Amino acid sequence: MIETAEDLAATFFDTDDFAEQCVITGSGGFTRTLNVIFNPTTEQVTLYDTNVESPDPSFICREADLMTAGVVDVRRGMIATLRGVGLTIERIALDQVGTATVFLSE
């Protein structure tokens, strides 16, 4: 059972198990390194009556890793670097149980 933020970090976001490191950068020298579970999926898009696959990457992380003093300071437009590729943060969905999904674009 997951009881604390430390339990969540140790259970799901340990880089020895499921997670990998992500570096988030923004204006004014903002930088943060956090452990995430990356989902590099694609989404089917119809273009001129043809179905094509479009990148639809996202990652899951701890809500606390997106915050400073209880306020989310990771923002849309910041760059998340995963696996050597910089992706733009499009939106963040907080689930209110300790994790968040961050949606990205290339």
N, C-alpha and C. Protein backbone atom coordinates (compact mmCIF):
# COMPACT_ATOMS: atom_id res chain seq x y z
N MET A 1 0.84 -1.17 0.00
CA MET A 1 0.00 0.00 0.00
C MET A 1 0.90 1.25 0.00
N ILE A 2 0.49 2.25 -0.77
CA ILE A 2 1.25 3.49 -0.84
C ILE A 2 0.63 4.48 0.15
N GLU A 3 1.42 4.88 1.14
CA GLU A 3 0.91 5.73 2.19
C GLU A 3 1.49 7.14 2.14
N THR A 4 2.71 7.28 1.65
CA THR A 4 3.36 8.59 1.66
C THR A 4 3.97 8.89 0.30
N ALA A 5 4.39 10.15 0.12
CA ALA A 5 5.06 10.55 -1.12
C ALA A 5 6.35 9.76 -1.30
N GLU A 6 7.01 9.43 -0.19
CA GLU A 6 8.25 8.65 -0.26
C GLU A 6 7.96 7.23 -0.75
N ASP A 7 6.83 6.66 -0.31
CA ASP A 7 6.43 5.33 -0.78
C ASP A 7 6.20 5.35 -2.29
N LEU A 8 5.54 6.39 -2.77
CA LEU A 8 5.26 6.53 -4.20
C LEU A 8 6.56 6.63 -4.98
N ALA A 9 7.49 7.44 -4.49
CA ALA A 9 8.78 7.61 -5.16
C ALA A 9 9.55 6.29 -5.20
N ALA A 10 9.56 5.59 -4.08
CA ALA A 10 10.32 4.34 -4.00
C ALA A 10 9.67 3.21 -4.79
N THR A 11 8.35 3.21 -4.88
CA THR A 11 7.63 2.12 -5.54
C THR A 11 7.59 2.27 -7.05
N PHE A 12 7.24 3.44 -7.55
CA PHE A 12 7.02 3.62 -8.98
C PHE A 12 8.08 4.45 -9.70
N PHE A 13 8.65 5.41 -9.02
CA PHE A 13 9.52 6.36 -9.69
C PHE A 13 11.01 6.17 -9.38
N ASP A 14 11.38 4.93 -9.10
CA ASP A 14 12.78 4.57 -8.89
C ASP A 14 13.38 4.20 -10.25
N THR A 15 14.49 4.82 -10.61
CA THR A 15 15.11 4.56 -11.92
C THR A 15 15.72 3.17 -12.02
N ASP A 16 15.82 2.46 -10.92
CA ASP A 16 16.28 1.07 -10.99
C ASP A 16 15.16 0.13 -11.43
N ASP A 17 13.93 0.63 -11.41
CA ASP A 17 12.79 -0.20 -11.77
C ASP A 17 12.11 0.33 -13.04
N PHE A 18 11.10 1.18 -12.88
CA PHE A 18 10.26 1.60 -14.00
C PHE A 18 10.65 2.96 -14.59
N ALA A 19 11.15 3.84 -13.79
CA ALA A 19 11.29 5.25 -14.18
C ALA A 19 12.60 5.56 -14.90
N GLU A 20 12.62 6.74 -15.51
CA GLU A 20 13.83 7.28 -16.12
C GLU A 20 13.86 8.77 -15.80
N GLN A 21 15.04 9.35 -15.92
CA GLN A 21 15.18 10.76 -15.58
C GLN A 21 14.74 11.67 -16.72
N CYS A 22 14.15 12.80 -16.33
CA CYS A 22 13.70 13.84 -17.25
C CYS A 22 14.23 15.16 -16.71
N VAL A 23 14.76 15.99 -17.60
CA VAL A 23 15.22 17.32 -17.21
C VAL A 23 14.28 18.34 -17.83
N ILE A 24 13.70 19.18 -16.99
CA ILE A 24 12.79 20.23 -17.45
C ILE A 24 13.53 21.56 -17.36
N THR A 25 13.49 22.32 -18.45
CA THR A 25 14.13 23.64 -18.49
C THR A 25 13.12 24.68 -18.95
N GLY A 26 13.31 25.89 -18.46
CA GLY A 26 12.44 26.99 -18.82
C GLY A 26 13.19 28.30 -18.79
N SER A 27 12.49 29.38 -18.98
CA SER A 27 13.12 30.70 -19.01
C SER A 27 13.69 31.07 -17.64
N GLY A 28 14.61 32.00 -17.65
CA GLY A 28 15.21 32.47 -16.41
C GLY A 28 16.11 31.47 -15.73
N GLY A 29 16.60 30.48 -16.48
CA GLY A 29 17.49 29.49 -15.91
C GLY A 29 16.80 28.38 -15.14
N PHE A 30 15.48 28.30 -15.23
CA PHE A 30 14.73 27.24 -14.54
C PHE A 30 15.20 25.88 -15.03
N THR A 31 15.52 25.00 -14.09
CA THR A 31 15.85 23.61 -14.44
C THR A 31 15.44 22.71 -13.28
N ARG A 32 14.94 21.54 -13.64
CA ARG A 32 14.54 20.58 -12.63
C ARG A 32 14.72 19.19 -13.22
N THR A 33 15.28 18.29 -12.42
CA THR A 33 15.43 16.90 -12.83
C THR A 33 14.47 16.07 -11.99
N LEU A 34 13.68 15.22 -12.64
CA LEU A 34 12.75 14.39 -11.93
C LEU A 34 12.66 13.02 -12.57
N ASN A 35 12.19 12.07 -11.81
CA ASN A 35 12.00 10.71 -12.31
C ASN A 35 10.58 10.58 -12.83
N VAL A 36 10.44 10.00 -14.03
CA VAL A 36 9.15 9.90 -14.69
C VAL A 36 8.98 8.52 -15.31
N ILE A 37 7.74 8.17 -15.61
CA ILE A 37 7.45 7.01 -16.42
C ILE A 37 6.98 7.56 -17.76
N PHE A 38 7.81 7.36 -18.79
CA PHE A 38 7.59 7.94 -20.11
C PHE A 38 6.69 7.05 -20.96
N ASN A 39 5.78 7.68 -21.67
CA ASN A 39 4.87 6.97 -22.57
C ASN A 39 5.01 7.60 -23.97
N PRO A 40 5.84 7.01 -24.84
CA PRO A 40 6.10 7.60 -26.16
C PRO A 40 5.09 7.15 -27.23
N THR A 41 3.81 7.15 -26.90
CA THR A 41 2.80 6.61 -27.79
C THR A 41 2.53 7.50 -29.01
N THR A 42 1.75 6.95 -29.90
CA THR A 42 1.28 7.71 -31.05
C THR A 42 -0.25 7.67 -31.05
N GLU A 43 -0.83 8.58 -31.82
CA GLU A 43 -2.28 8.67 -31.93
C GLU A 43 -2.64 8.67 -33.40
N GLN A 44 -3.71 7.96 -33.74
CA GLN A 44 -4.13 7.92 -35.13
C GLN A 44 -4.84 9.22 -35.50
N VAL A 45 -4.39 9.82 -36.62
CA VAL A 45 -4.95 11.07 -37.11
C VAL A 45 -5.38 10.85 -38.55
N THR A 46 -6.55 11.36 -38.92
CA THR A 46 -7.01 11.25 -40.30
C THR A 46 -6.64 12.53 -41.04
N LEU A 47 -5.92 12.36 -42.14
CA LEU A 47 -5.46 13.49 -42.94
C LEU A 47 -5.79 13.20 -44.39
N TYR A 48 -6.70 13.98 -44.97
CA TYR A 48 -7.11 13.76 -46.37
C TYR A 48 -7.56 12.32 -46.60
N ASP A 49 -8.45 11.82 -45.77
CA ASP A 49 -9.01 10.47 -45.87
C ASP A 49 -7.98 9.36 -45.69
N THR A 50 -6.84 9.68 -45.09
CA THR A 50 -5.81 8.68 -44.83
C THR A 50 -5.48 8.72 -43.34
N ASN A 51 -5.41 7.54 -42.73
CA ASN A 51 -5.03 7.47 -41.33
C ASN A 51 -3.51 7.43 -41.21
N VAL A 52 -2.98 8.32 -40.40
CA VAL A 52 -1.54 8.35 -40.13
C VAL A 52 -1.35 8.36 -38.62
N GLU A 53 -0.17 7.97 -38.19
CA GLU A 53 0.17 8.01 -36.77
C GLU A 53 0.90 9.31 -36.46
N SER A 54 0.46 9.98 -35.43
CA SER A 54 1.06 11.24 -34.99
C SER A 54 1.61 11.04 -33.58
N PRO A 55 2.79 11.58 -33.28
CA PRO A 55 3.33 11.43 -31.92
C PRO A 55 2.39 12.01 -30.87
N ASP A 56 2.24 11.31 -29.75
CA ASP A 56 1.39 11.75 -28.65
C ASP A 56 2.07 11.38 -27.33
N PRO A 57 3.30 11.88 -27.10
CA PRO A 57 4.05 11.47 -25.91
C PRO A 57 3.52 12.13 -24.63
N SER A 58 3.75 11.44 -23.52
CA SER A 58 3.41 11.97 -22.20
C SER A 58 4.28 11.26 -21.17
N PHE A 59 4.26 11.79 -19.96
CA PHE A 59 4.89 11.07 -18.85
C PHE A 59 4.07 11.26 -17.60
N ILE A 60 4.25 10.31 -16.67
CA ILE A 60 3.63 10.39 -15.35
C ILE A 60 4.74 10.65 -14.35
N CYS A 61 4.46 11.52 -13.39
CA CYS A 61 5.43 11.82 -12.34
C CYS A 61 4.69 12.11 -11.04
N ARG A 62 5.44 12.33 -9.99
CA ARG A 62 4.83 12.73 -8.72
C ARG A 62 4.42 14.20 -8.83
N GLU A 63 3.25 14.55 -8.32
CA GLU A 63 2.81 15.95 -8.30
C GLU A 63 3.85 16.82 -7.60
N ALA A 64 4.38 16.34 -6.51
CA ALA A 64 5.33 17.13 -5.72
C ALA A 64 6.56 17.52 -6.52
N ASP A 65 6.93 16.71 -7.51
CA ASP A 65 8.11 17.01 -8.32
C ASP A 65 7.89 18.17 -9.29
N LEU A 66 6.63 18.57 -9.48
CA LEU A 66 6.31 19.70 -10.35
C LEU A 66 6.12 20.99 -9.56
N MET A 67 6.33 20.91 -8.24
CA MET A 67 6.00 22.04 -7.36
C MET A 67 7.20 22.56 -6.59
N THR A 68 7.07 23.83 -6.22
CA THR A 68 7.96 24.46 -5.25
C THR A 68 7.05 25.12 -4.22
N ALA A 69 7.24 24.83 -2.96
CA ALA A 69 6.43 25.38 -1.87
C ALA A 69 4.94 25.17 -2.11
N GLY A 70 4.56 23.99 -2.63
CA GLY A 70 3.17 23.65 -2.81
C GLY A 70 2.49 24.26 -4.03
N VAL A 71 3.26 24.94 -4.89
CA VAL A 71 2.70 25.57 -6.08
C VAL A 71 3.36 24.96 -7.32
N VAL A 72 2.55 24.56 -8.30
CA VAL A 72 3.10 24.01 -9.54
C VAL A 72 3.84 25.12 -10.27
N ASP A 73 5.13 24.93 -10.47
CA ASP A 73 5.91 25.94 -11.19
C ASP A 73 6.47 25.41 -12.51
N VAL A 74 6.16 24.17 -12.85
CA VAL A 74 6.45 23.65 -14.18
C VAL A 74 5.28 24.09 -15.04
N ARG A 75 5.57 24.67 -16.20
CA ARG A 75 4.53 25.32 -17.00
C ARG A 75 4.51 24.85 -18.45
N ARG A 76 3.41 25.12 -19.11
CA ARG A 76 3.26 24.91 -20.54
C ARG A 76 4.35 25.70 -21.26
N GLY A 77 4.95 25.08 -22.27
CA GLY A 77 5.99 25.74 -23.05
C GLY A 77 7.40 25.42 -22.59
N MET A 78 7.55 24.89 -21.38
CA MET A 78 8.87 24.47 -20.93
C MET A 78 9.29 23.24 -21.71
N ILE A 79 10.58 22.94 -21.70
CA ILE A 79 11.12 21.81 -22.45
C ILE A 79 11.44 20.67 -21.49
N ALA A 80 10.93 19.48 -21.82
CA ALA A 80 11.23 18.26 -21.07
C ALA A 80 12.15 17.41 -21.95
N THR A 81 13.35 17.13 -21.46
CA THR A 81 14.30 16.32 -22.22
C THR A 81 14.31 14.90 -21.67
N LEU A 82 13.93 13.97 -22.55
CA LEU A 82 13.88 12.55 -22.22
C LEU A 82 14.57 11.79 -23.33
N ARG A 83 15.42 10.84 -22.96
CA ARG A 83 16.10 10.00 -23.94
C ARG A 83 16.85 10.84 -24.98
N GLY A 84 17.34 12.00 -24.53
CA GLY A 84 18.13 12.87 -25.41
C GLY A 84 17.31 13.72 -26.36
N VAL A 85 15.98 13.71 -26.21
CA VAL A 85 15.10 14.48 -27.11
C VAL A 85 14.35 15.52 -26.29
N GLY A 86 14.34 16.76 -26.78
CA GLY A 86 13.60 17.83 -26.12
C GLY A 86 12.17 17.88 -26.63
N LEU A 87 11.21 17.80 -25.71
CA LEU A 87 9.79 17.85 -26.04
C LEU A 87 9.16 19.02 -25.29
N THR A 88 8.16 19.64 -25.89
CA THR A 88 7.50 20.80 -25.28
C THR A 88 6.34 20.35 -24.41
N ILE A 89 6.27 20.90 -23.20
CA ILE A 89 5.15 20.61 -22.32
C ILE A 89 3.92 21.36 -22.83
N GLU A 90 2.84 20.61 -23.07
CA GLU A 90 1.60 21.19 -23.59
C GLU A 90 0.57 21.41 -22.48
N ARG A 91 0.41 20.43 -21.60
CA ARG A 91 -0.53 20.58 -20.49
C ARG A 91 -0.19 19.58 -19.39
N ILE A 92 -0.69 19.89 -18.20
CA ILE A 92 -0.42 19.06 -17.03
C ILE A 92 -1.76 18.73 -16.37
N ALA A 93 -1.98 17.45 -16.12
CA ALA A 93 -3.21 17.00 -15.46
C ALA A 93 -2.84 16.42 -14.09
N LEU A 94 -3.22 17.12 -13.03
CA LEU A 94 -2.99 16.64 -11.67
C LEU A 94 -4.14 15.71 -11.29
N ASP A 95 -3.82 14.55 -10.75
CA ASP A 95 -4.89 13.60 -10.43
C ASP A 95 -5.35 13.63 -8.98
N GLN A 96 -4.73 14.47 -8.17
CA GLN A 96 -5.11 14.67 -6.77
C GLN A 96 -4.86 13.46 -5.88
N VAL A 97 -4.13 12.46 -6.37
CA VAL A 97 -3.76 11.33 -5.52
C VAL A 97 -2.24 11.18 -5.46
N GLY A 98 -1.54 12.22 -5.88
CA GLY A 98 -0.09 12.21 -5.75
C GLY A 98 0.69 12.10 -7.05
N THR A 99 0.00 11.85 -8.17
CA THR A 99 0.70 11.79 -9.45
C THR A 99 0.10 12.80 -10.42
N ALA A 100 0.82 13.03 -11.51
CA ALA A 100 0.37 13.96 -12.55
C ALA A 100 0.76 13.37 -13.90
N THR A 101 -0.04 13.67 -14.92
CA THR A 101 0.31 13.31 -16.29
C THR A 101 0.68 14.59 -17.01
N VAL A 102 1.84 14.58 -17.66
CA VAL A 102 2.33 15.74 -18.40
C VAL A 102 2.29 15.36 -19.88
N PHE A 103 1.50 16.11 -20.65
CA PHE A 103 1.35 15.86 -22.08
C PHE A 103 2.35 16.71 -22.85
N LEU A 104 2.99 16.09 -23.85
CA LEU A 104 4.12 16.71 -24.56
C LEU A 104 3.85 16.77 -26.06
N SER A 105 4.62 17.60 -26.75
CA SER A 105 4.60 17.62 -28.21
C SER A 105 6.04 17.74 -28.70
N GLU A 106 6.24 17.30 -29.93
CA GLU A 106 7.59 17.38 -30.51
C GLU A 106 7.88 18.77 -30.99
